[in-house]
Protein backbone atom coordinates (compact mmCIF):
# COMPACT_ATOMS: atom_id res chain seq x y z
CA MET A 1 197.26 147.52 31.03
CA GLU A 2 194.31 145.44 29.82
CA LYS A 3 195.76 142.34 31.51
CA LEU A 4 195.96 144.26 34.81
CA ARG A 5 192.35 145.39 34.43
CA GLN A 6 191.22 141.80 33.82
CA GLU A 7 193.10 140.60 36.90
CA LEU A 8 191.58 143.36 39.03
CA ARG A 9 188.11 142.49 37.79
CA SER A 10 188.57 138.87 38.83
CA ILE A 11 190.17 139.69 42.19
CA TRP A 12 187.63 142.31 43.25
CA ARG A 13 184.65 140.83 41.39
CA ILE A 14 183.60 144.14 39.93
CA LYS A 15 183.00 145.84 36.64
CA MET A 16 185.48 148.65 36.25
CA THR A 17 182.63 151.16 36.14
CA ASP A 18 180.85 149.88 39.26
CA THR A 19 181.79 150.27 42.90
CA ILE A 20 179.24 147.74 44.19
CA GLN A 21 178.51 144.36 42.63
CA GLU A 22 177.72 140.89 43.91
CA GLY A 23 177.40 142.25 47.46
CA TRP A 24 180.98 143.54 47.59
CA ILE A 25 181.72 147.16 48.46
CA PHE A 26 184.78 148.27 46.54
CA MET A 27 186.88 151.09 47.99
CA PRO A 28 190.55 151.04 46.97
CA THR A 29 192.43 152.94 49.66
CA ILE A 30 195.60 155.04 49.54
CA PHE A 31 197.52 155.98 52.71
CA PHE A 32 200.13 158.77 52.79
CA TYR A 33 202.29 159.26 55.88
CA GLY A 34 204.27 162.48 55.89
CA PRO A 35 204.82 165.92 57.41
CA GLU A 36 202.11 168.37 58.40
CA LEU A 37 200.78 170.10 55.27
CA GLU A 38 198.65 173.13 54.57
CA LYS A 39 195.05 172.45 53.58
CA GLU A 40 195.61 173.38 49.91
CA LYS A 41 198.59 171.00 49.67
CA LYS A 42 196.41 168.24 51.12
CA ARG A 43 193.81 168.92 48.42
CA GLU A 44 196.50 168.76 45.73
CA LEU A 45 197.87 165.45 47.05
CA ILE A 46 194.43 163.85 47.23
CA ARG A 47 193.61 164.95 43.67
CA ALA A 48 196.99 163.77 42.34
CA PHE A 49 196.94 160.38 44.11
CA THR A 50 193.37 159.73 43.01
CA ALA A 51 193.98 160.69 39.39
CA ALA A 52 197.21 158.64 39.14
CA ALA A 53 195.69 155.55 40.73
CA SER A 54 192.60 155.76 38.55
CA GLN A 55 194.66 156.15 35.39
CA ALA A 56 196.97 153.26 36.32
CA THR A 57 194.16 150.85 37.20
CA GLY A 58 191.19 151.98 35.14
CA ILE A 59 189.11 152.14 38.32
CA PRO A 60 186.84 155.22 38.53
CA GLN A 61 188.18 158.07 40.65
CA SER A 62 184.96 158.06 42.65
CA ALA A 63 185.87 154.66 44.11
CA PHE A 64 189.13 155.79 45.78
CA VAL A 65 189.60 156.78 49.40
CA VAL A 66 192.75 158.70 50.39
CA TYR A 67 193.99 159.12 53.96
CA LEU A 68 196.68 161.67 54.81
CA ARG A 69 198.41 160.89 58.11
CA LYS A 70 200.86 163.20 59.85
CA SER A 71 204.14 161.59 60.90
CA GLY A 72 206.76 163.56 62.80
CA GLU A 73 210.44 162.79 63.28
CA GLU A 74 209.64 161.16 66.63
CA ASP A 75 207.14 158.79 64.97
CA VAL A 76 209.37 157.37 62.23
CA GLY A 77 212.33 155.00 62.29
CA VAL A 78 214.84 154.50 59.47
CA GLY A 79 217.50 151.81 59.52
CA GLY A 80 216.60 150.84 63.08
CA GLU A 81 216.93 154.39 64.43
CA LEU A 82 214.40 157.02 65.35
CA LEU A 83 214.50 159.71 62.67
CA ALA A 84 214.74 162.42 65.35
CA ASP A 85 217.92 160.77 66.70
CA ARG A 86 219.57 160.74 63.28
CA LYS A 87 219.35 164.56 63.09
CA GLU A 88 221.36 165.06 66.30
């Protein structure tokens, strides 16, 4: 884990406790594409993703940005086929 933290420091030119240093703005970003969720489930996902990413990287939770994007069966392809077509 310490080796990963050292690599991240050199790549992003930051201290692990800072989000801005040397003119760089540091905002690690997580994207989740999935089904429509209730508001409370969205809160849970954002908390869980943020906590897991922070623990794995040693980057403060306050630095993370999480985007939840709705994707329906007509917006996703698997194995070269539209997911909606695979259900028929």
